[in-house]
Amino acid sequence: MLVVACIKQVPDTTQVKIDPNTGTLIREGVPFIMNPFDTHALEESLRLKDKYGFHVAVISMGPPNTVVTLKKALAVGADQAILLSDRAFGGADTLATSRVLAEAITKLNQQEEVAIVIAASRRLTATRPRLGPALPAG
């Protein structure tokens, strides 16, 4: 059986700079990290793996450089990492993101029964939880 942890790569907020002219985030040179709240989802997935023998898959929707964050999840014990990356996903809102993730999780379930999906309660780049509750609607 499979535990799926949804993770997101976010800018390291300790090193974020804002363009004073445009008020937008300057992404160049800013390192990216796993959303700290998603580390809880990954840690709980790994606990379930240790306790019950589940396999752990991490899944993320983002740009190609998200592979770095997924490799870190594999390094700490995840068995599988899936990156959903396409220019068409750029600027996706919560509903679109949840639909893409839900479809990918459905396909995973065809390969191995998904016992549970764990998503963080929040992320650094948003103020309210959205993805977890939206996944079933996807």
N, C-alpha and C. Protein backbone atom coordinates (compact mmCIF):
# COMPACT_ATOMS: atom_id res chain seq x y z
N MET A 1 0.84 -1.19 0.00
CA MET A 1 0.00 0.00 0.00
C MET A 1 0.88 1.24 0.00
N LEU A 2 0.31 2.31 -0.46
CA LEU A 2 1.07 3.53 -0.73
C LEU A 2 0.56 4.70 0.09
N VAL A 3 1.49 5.47 0.62
CA VAL A 3 1.19 6.75 1.24
C VAL A 3 1.74 7.82 0.30
N VAL A 4 0.93 8.79 -0.04
CA VAL A 4 1.34 9.87 -0.93
C VAL A 4 1.45 11.16 -0.13
N ALA A 5 2.62 11.78 -0.19
CA ALA A 5 2.83 13.09 0.45
C ALA A 5 2.93 14.14 -0.65
N CYS A 6 2.08 15.14 -0.58
CA CYS A 6 2.13 16.26 -1.53
C CYS A 6 3.11 17.28 -0.98
N ILE A 7 4.10 17.63 -1.80
CA ILE A 7 5.09 18.61 -1.35
C ILE A 7 5.22 19.71 -2.40
N LYS A 8 5.72 20.84 -1.94
CA LYS A 8 5.88 21.99 -2.83
C LYS A 8 7.23 22.64 -2.57
N GLN A 9 7.85 23.06 -3.63
CA GLN A 9 9.09 23.82 -3.53
C GLN A 9 8.75 25.30 -3.46
N VAL A 10 9.34 26.00 -2.48
CA VAL A 10 9.05 27.42 -2.28
C VAL A 10 10.36 28.18 -2.14
N PRO A 11 10.33 29.49 -2.36
CA PRO A 11 11.54 30.28 -2.13
C PRO A 11 11.92 30.27 -0.65
N ASP A 12 13.19 30.23 -0.37
CA ASP A 12 13.67 30.31 1.01
C ASP A 12 13.38 31.73 1.50
N THR A 13 12.40 31.86 2.37
CA THR A 13 11.95 33.19 2.79
C THR A 13 12.99 33.96 3.58
N THR A 14 14.02 33.28 4.05
CA THR A 14 15.07 34.00 4.76
C THR A 14 15.96 34.77 3.78
N GLN A 15 15.81 34.48 2.48
CA GLN A 15 16.66 35.13 1.49
C GLN A 15 15.88 35.83 0.37
N VAL A 16 14.60 36.03 0.59
CA VAL A 16 13.76 36.67 -0.43
C VAL A 16 14.02 38.17 -0.47
N LYS A 17 14.05 38.69 -1.70
CA LYS A 17 14.18 40.13 -1.90
C LYS A 17 13.04 40.57 -2.79
N ILE A 18 12.56 41.78 -2.54
CA ILE A 18 11.46 42.36 -3.33
C ILE A 18 12.01 43.49 -4.17
N ASP A 19 11.61 43.51 -5.44
CA ASP A 19 11.99 44.58 -6.35
C ASP A 19 11.28 45.85 -5.90
N PRO A 20 12.02 46.91 -5.51
CA PRO A 20 11.39 48.12 -5.00
C PRO A 20 10.54 48.86 -6.05
N ASN A 21 10.84 48.64 -7.32
CA ASN A 21 10.09 49.32 -8.37
C ASN A 21 8.77 48.62 -8.72
N THR A 22 8.81 47.29 -8.71
CA THR A 22 7.61 46.55 -9.13
C THR A 22 6.86 45.92 -7.95
N GLY A 23 7.54 45.77 -6.82
CA GLY A 23 6.92 45.14 -5.66
C GLY A 23 6.79 43.63 -5.80
N THR A 24 7.51 43.06 -6.78
CA THR A 24 7.43 41.61 -7.00
C THR A 24 8.69 40.92 -6.48
N LEU A 25 8.54 39.63 -6.28
CA LEU A 25 9.64 38.80 -5.80
C LEU A 25 10.75 38.74 -6.83
N ILE A 26 11.99 38.94 -6.40
CA ILE A 26 13.16 38.75 -7.26
C ILE A 26 13.58 37.29 -7.09
N ARG A 27 13.35 36.48 -8.11
CA ARG A 27 13.61 35.04 -8.02
C ARG A 27 15.05 34.68 -8.33
N GLU A 28 15.74 35.50 -9.09
CA GLU A 28 17.12 35.20 -9.45
C GLU A 28 17.99 35.14 -8.20
N GLY A 29 18.72 34.05 -8.06
CA GLY A 29 19.65 33.91 -6.95
C GLY A 29 19.01 33.50 -5.63
N VAL A 30 17.70 33.35 -5.59
CA VAL A 30 17.03 32.94 -4.36
C VAL A 30 16.95 31.41 -4.33
N PRO A 31 17.51 30.79 -3.30
CA PRO A 31 17.43 29.32 -3.23
C PRO A 31 16.01 28.88 -2.91
N PHE A 32 15.69 27.69 -3.37
CA PHE A 32 14.38 27.12 -3.10
C PHE A 32 14.52 25.97 -2.12
N ILE A 33 13.49 25.77 -1.31
CA ILE A 33 13.47 24.73 -0.30
C ILE A 33 12.12 24.02 -0.34
N MET A 34 12.03 22.90 0.34
CA MET A 34 10.73 22.27 0.51
C MET A 34 9.92 23.13 1.48
N ASN A 35 8.67 23.37 1.15
CA ASN A 35 7.80 24.10 2.05
C ASN A 35 7.93 23.46 3.44
N PRO A 36 8.32 24.23 4.44
CA PRO A 36 8.53 23.64 5.77
C PRO A 36 7.32 22.88 6.31
N PHE A 37 6.11 23.31 5.97
CA PHE A 37 4.92 22.60 6.42
C PHE A 37 4.78 21.25 5.72
N ASP A 38 5.30 21.14 4.50
CA ASP A 38 5.27 19.87 3.78
C ASP A 38 6.24 18.86 4.38
N THR A 39 7.26 19.34 5.07
CA THR A 39 8.17 18.38 5.72
C THR A 39 7.41 17.56 6.76
N HIS A 40 6.38 18.14 7.37
CA HIS A 40 5.56 17.38 8.33
C HIS A 40 4.82 16.25 7.61
N ALA A 41 4.30 16.54 6.42
CA ALA A 41 3.61 15.51 5.64
C ALA A 41 4.58 14.39 5.27
N LEU A 42 5.77 14.76 4.86
CA LEU A 42 6.78 13.75 4.52
C LEU A 42 7.18 12.94 5.74
N GLU A 43 7.42 13.62 6.86
CA GLU A 43 7.82 12.92 8.09
C GLU A 43 6.73 11.94 8.53
N GLU A 44 5.48 12.34 8.48
CA GLU A 44 4.40 11.43 8.87
C GLU A 44 4.32 10.25 7.91
N SER A 45 4.52 10.49 6.64
CA SER A 45 4.53 9.41 5.65
C SER A 45 5.62 8.39 5.97
N LEU A 46 6.78 8.90 6.35
CA LEU A 46 7.89 8.01 6.68
C LEU A 46 7.63 7.25 7.98
N ARG A 47 6.93 7.86 8.92
CA ARG A 47 6.54 7.15 10.14
C ARG A 47 5.61 5.98 9.81
N LEU A 48 4.67 6.22 8.92
CA LEU A 48 3.75 5.16 8.50
C LEU A 48 4.49 4.05 7.76
N LYS A 49 5.49 4.43 7.00
CA LYS A 49 6.33 3.45 6.31
C LYS A 49 7.03 2.56 7.34
N ASP A 50 7.64 3.19 8.34
CA ASP A 50 8.37 2.43 9.36
C ASP A 50 7.44 1.54 10.18
N LYS A 51 6.27 2.06 10.51
CA LYS A 51 5.36 1.33 11.40
C LYS A 51 4.57 0.23 10.69
N TYR A 52 4.11 0.51 9.47
CA TYR A 52 3.21 -0.42 8.79
C TYR A 52 3.76 -0.99 7.49
N GLY A 53 4.93 -0.54 7.06
CA GLY A 53 5.52 -1.08 5.84
C GLY A 53 4.98 -0.49 4.55
N PHE A 54 4.28 0.64 4.64
CA PHE A 54 3.79 1.30 3.43
C PHE A 54 4.96 1.75 2.56
N HIS A 55 4.69 1.92 1.28
CA HIS A 55 5.63 2.60 0.39
C HIS A 55 5.25 4.08 0.43
N VAL A 56 6.24 4.95 0.24
CA VAL A 56 5.99 6.39 0.28
C VAL A 56 6.32 7.00 -1.08
N ALA A 57 5.34 7.71 -1.62
CA ALA A 57 5.54 8.47 -2.85
C ALA A 57 5.36 9.94 -2.51
N VAL A 58 6.27 10.77 -3.00
CA VAL A 58 6.09 12.22 -2.89
C VAL A 58 5.73 12.73 -4.27
N ILE A 59 4.85 13.71 -4.30
CA ILE A 59 4.38 14.25 -5.57
C ILE A 59 4.38 15.77 -5.48
N SER A 60 4.81 16.40 -6.56
CA SER A 60 4.85 17.85 -6.58
C SER A 60 4.54 18.35 -7.99
N MET A 61 3.87 19.48 -8.04
CA MET A 61 3.62 20.14 -9.30
C MET A 61 4.43 21.43 -9.29
N GLY A 62 5.31 21.59 -10.27
CA GLY A 62 6.14 22.77 -10.29
C GLY A 62 7.10 22.78 -11.47
N PRO A 63 8.00 23.75 -11.49
CA PRO A 63 8.96 23.85 -12.58
C PRO A 63 9.99 22.71 -12.49
N PRO A 64 10.75 22.50 -13.56
CA PRO A 64 11.72 21.41 -13.58
C PRO A 64 12.72 21.41 -12.41
N ASN A 65 13.08 22.58 -11.90
CA ASN A 65 14.06 22.60 -10.80
C ASN A 65 13.50 22.02 -9.50
N THR A 66 12.21 21.71 -9.46
CA THR A 66 11.60 21.07 -8.29
C THR A 66 12.21 19.69 -8.05
N VAL A 67 12.86 19.15 -9.06
CA VAL A 67 13.50 17.83 -8.92
C VAL A 67 14.50 17.83 -7.76
N VAL A 68 15.11 18.97 -7.47
CA VAL A 68 16.07 19.05 -6.36
C VAL A 68 15.37 18.74 -5.04
N THR A 69 14.20 19.32 -4.84
CA THR A 69 13.43 19.08 -3.62
C THR A 69 12.96 17.63 -3.55
N LEU A 70 12.55 17.08 -4.68
CA LEU A 70 12.11 15.68 -4.71
C LEU A 70 13.27 14.74 -4.38
N LYS A 71 14.46 15.05 -4.86
CA LYS A 71 15.63 14.22 -4.55
C LYS A 71 15.93 14.24 -3.05
N LYS A 72 15.70 15.37 -2.41
CA LYS A 72 15.91 15.43 -0.96
C LYS A 72 14.92 14.53 -0.24
N ALA A 73 13.68 14.47 -0.73
CA ALA A 73 12.68 13.58 -0.13
C ALA A 73 13.09 12.12 -0.31
N LEU A 74 13.63 11.79 -1.46
CA LEU A 74 14.12 10.43 -1.68
C LEU A 74 15.29 10.11 -0.75
N ALA A 75 16.14 11.10 -0.53
CA ALA A 75 17.31 10.90 0.32
C ALA A 75 16.95 10.59 1.77
N VAL A 76 15.80 11.08 2.22
CA VAL A 76 15.41 10.82 3.61
C VAL A 76 14.50 9.61 3.75
N GLY A 77 14.16 8.95 2.63
CA GLY A 77 13.44 7.70 2.75
C GLY A 77 12.22 7.49 1.87
N ALA A 78 11.80 8.49 1.12
CA ALA A 78 10.68 8.27 0.20
C ALA A 78 11.12 7.24 -0.84
N ASP A 79 10.17 6.43 -1.29
CA ASP A 79 10.48 5.37 -2.25
C ASP A 79 10.33 5.82 -3.70
N GLN A 80 9.53 6.83 -3.91
CA GLN A 80 9.20 7.26 -5.26
C GLN A 80 8.95 8.76 -5.25
N ALA A 81 9.37 9.44 -6.32
CA ALA A 81 9.13 10.87 -6.44
C ALA A 81 8.55 11.16 -7.82
N ILE A 82 7.51 11.96 -7.83
CA ILE A 82 6.83 12.28 -9.08
C ILE A 82 6.77 13.80 -9.23
N LEU A 83 7.27 14.28 -10.35
CA LEU A 83 7.20 15.71 -10.66
C LEU A 83 6.23 15.90 -11.82
N LEU A 84 5.24 16.73 -11.60
CA LEU A 84 4.28 17.11 -12.63
C LEU A 84 4.67 18.51 -13.08
N SER A 85 5.24 18.59 -14.28
CA SER A 85 5.78 19.86 -14.74
C SER A 85 5.40 20.09 -16.20
N ASP A 86 4.79 21.22 -16.46
CA ASP A 86 4.40 21.58 -17.81
C ASP A 86 4.13 23.09 -17.82
N ARG A 87 4.49 23.74 -18.89
CA ARG A 87 4.22 25.18 -18.98
C ARG A 87 2.73 25.49 -18.82
N ALA A 88 1.89 24.55 -19.20
CA ALA A 88 0.45 24.75 -19.08
C ALA A 88 0.02 24.88 -17.62
N PHE A 89 0.83 24.38 -16.69
CA PHE A 89 0.50 24.47 -15.27
C PHE A 89 0.88 25.81 -14.66
N GLY A 90 1.65 26.61 -15.38
CA GLY A 90 2.11 27.90 -14.85
C GLY A 90 0.95 28.78 -14.41
N GLY A 91 1.03 29.30 -13.21
CA GLY A 91 0.01 30.18 -12.68
C GLY A 91 -1.27 29.47 -12.26
N ALA A 92 -1.21 28.15 -12.15
CA ALA A 92 -2.40 27.38 -11.77
C ALA A 92 -2.90 27.79 -10.38
N ASP A 93 -4.21 27.91 -10.25
CA ASP A 93 -4.79 28.20 -8.95
C ASP A 93 -4.96 26.89 -8.17
N THR A 94 -5.53 26.98 -6.98
CA THR A 94 -5.67 25.80 -6.13
C THR A 94 -6.52 24.72 -6.78
N LEU A 95 -7.62 25.10 -7.41
CA LEU A 95 -8.49 24.10 -8.02
C LEU A 95 -7.78 23.38 -9.16
N ALA A 96 -7.09 24.12 -10.02
CA ALA A 96 -6.36 23.49 -11.12
C ALA A 96 -5.26 22.58 -10.59
N THR A 97 -4.54 23.05 -9.58
CA THR A 97 -3.48 22.24 -8.98
C THR A 97 -4.06 20.96 -8.39
N SER A 98 -5.16 21.08 -7.66
CA SER A 98 -5.76 19.90 -7.04
C SER A 98 -6.24 18.91 -8.09
N ARG A 99 -6.73 19.40 -9.20
CA ARG A 99 -7.19 18.49 -10.26
C ARG A 99 -6.02 17.72 -10.88
N VAL A 100 -4.92 18.42 -11.12
CA VAL A 100 -3.75 17.75 -11.69
C VAL A 100 -3.21 16.71 -10.71
N LEU A 101 -3.08 17.10 -9.44
CA LEU A 101 -2.57 16.17 -8.43
C LEU A 101 -3.52 14.99 -8.24
N ALA A 102 -4.82 15.25 -8.20
CA ALA A 102 -5.80 14.18 -8.02
C ALA A 102 -5.73 13.17 -9.17
N GLU A 103 -5.57 13.66 -10.37
CA GLU A 103 -5.45 12.76 -11.53
C GLU A 103 -4.19 11.90 -11.42
N ALA A 104 -3.09 12.51 -11.03
CA ALA A 104 -1.84 11.76 -10.87
C ALA A 104 -1.97 10.72 -9.76
N ILE A 105 -2.62 11.09 -8.67
CA ILE A 105 -2.81 10.15 -7.55
C ILE A 105 -3.73 9.00 -7.98
N THR A 106 -4.73 9.30 -8.79
CA THR A 106 -5.61 8.25 -9.32
C THR A 106 -4.81 7.26 -10.15
N LYS A 107 -3.89 7.76 -10.96
CA LYS A 107 -3.04 6.87 -11.78
C LYS A 107 -2.11 6.05 -10.90
N LEU A 108 -1.58 6.66 -9.83
CA LEU A 108 -0.76 5.90 -8.88
C LEU A 108 -1.56 4.77 -8.27
N ASN A 109 -2.81 5.05 -7.93
CA ASN A 109 -3.69 4.06 -7.31
C ASN A 109 -3.94 2.87 -8.22
N GLN A 110 -3.84 3.07 -9.52
CA GLN A 110 -4.00 1.96 -10.47
C GLN A 110 -2.80 1.02 -10.41
N GLN A 111 -1.65 1.54 -9.98
CA GLN A 111 -0.43 0.73 -9.88
C GLN A 111 -0.30 0.07 -8.51
N GLU A 112 -0.67 0.80 -7.47
CA GLU A 112 -0.58 0.32 -6.10
C GLU A 112 -1.63 1.06 -5.29
N GLU A 113 -2.34 0.33 -4.45
CA GLU A 113 -3.43 0.94 -3.70
C GLU A 113 -2.91 2.08 -2.82
N VAL A 114 -3.53 3.24 -2.96
CA VAL A 114 -3.18 4.40 -2.14
C VAL A 114 -3.99 4.33 -0.85
N ALA A 115 -3.28 4.22 0.27
CA ALA A 115 -3.93 4.13 1.57
C ALA A 115 -4.32 5.50 2.10
N ILE A 116 -3.44 6.47 1.90
CA ILE A 116 -3.68 7.81 2.44
C ILE A 116 -2.88 8.83 1.64
N VAL A 117 -3.43 10.01 1.53
CA VAL A 117 -2.75 11.15 0.91
C VAL A 117 -2.60 12.20 2.00
N ILE A 118 -1.38 12.69 2.18
CA ILE A 118 -1.11 13.69 3.22
C ILE A 118 -0.64 14.98 2.55
N ALA A 119 -1.33 16.06 2.88
CA ALA A 119 -0.96 17.38 2.38
C ALA A 119 -0.83 18.31 3.58
N ALA A 120 0.08 19.25 3.48
CA ALA A 120 0.31 20.19 4.57
C ALA A 120 -0.92 21.05 4.83
N SER A 121 -1.01 21.53 6.04
CA SER A 121 -2.14 22.39 6.40
C SER A 121 -1.98 23.80 5.84
N ARG A 122 -0.77 24.17 5.49
CA ARG A 122 -0.53 25.49 4.90
C ARG A 122 0.83 25.50 4.21
N ARG A 123 1.12 26.62 3.55
CA ARG A 123 2.42 26.76 2.91
C ARG A 123 2.92 28.18 3.10
N LEU A 124 4.20 28.33 2.90
CA LEU A 124 4.80 29.65 3.10
C LEU A 124 4.26 30.70 2.15
N THR A 125 3.83 30.28 0.97
CA THR A 125 3.40 31.24 -0.04
C THR A 125 1.90 31.51 -0.03
N ALA A 126 1.19 31.03 1.00
CA ALA A 126 -0.26 31.30 1.11
C ALA A 126 -0.63 31.41 2.58
N THR A 127 -1.72 32.07 2.84
CA THR A 127 -2.12 32.28 4.23
C THR A 127 -3.19 31.30 4.70
N ARG A 128 -3.85 30.60 3.78
CA ARG A 128 -4.90 29.68 4.17
C ARG A 128 -4.64 28.30 3.58
N PRO A 129 -5.09 27.26 4.30
CA PRO A 129 -4.97 25.91 3.72
C PRO A 129 -5.94 25.77 2.55
N ARG A 130 -5.45 25.24 1.47
CA ARG A 130 -6.33 25.11 0.32
C ARG A 130 -6.19 23.76 -0.39
N LEU A 131 -4.97 23.30 -0.57
CA LEU A 131 -4.76 22.13 -1.41
C LEU A 131 -5.39 20.88 -0.82
N GLY A 132 -5.11 20.57 0.44
CA GLY A 132 -5.63 19.35 1.04
C GLY A 132 -7.14 19.21 0.89
N PRO A 133 -7.90 20.23 1.33
CA PRO A 133 -9.36 20.13 1.19
C PRO A 133 -9.83 20.09 -0.26
N ALA A 134 -9.06 20.64 -1.18
CA ALA A 134 -9.47 20.68 -2.58
C ALA A 134 -9.17 19.38 -3.33
N LEU A 135 -8.26 18.55 -2.82
CA LEU A 135 -7.88 17.32 -3.55
C LEU A 135 -9.07 16.42 -3.87
N PRO A 136 -9.96 16.15 -2.95
CA PRO A 136 -11.08 15.28 -3.30
C PRO A 136 -11.94 15.84 -4.46
N ALA A 137 -11.98 17.17 -4.56
CA ALA A 137 -12.78 17.79 -5.63
C ALA A 137 -12.08 17.65 -6.97
N GLY A 138 -10.74 17.45 -6.92
CA GLY A 138 -9.99 17.36 -8.16
C GLY A 138 -10.48 16.27 -9.03
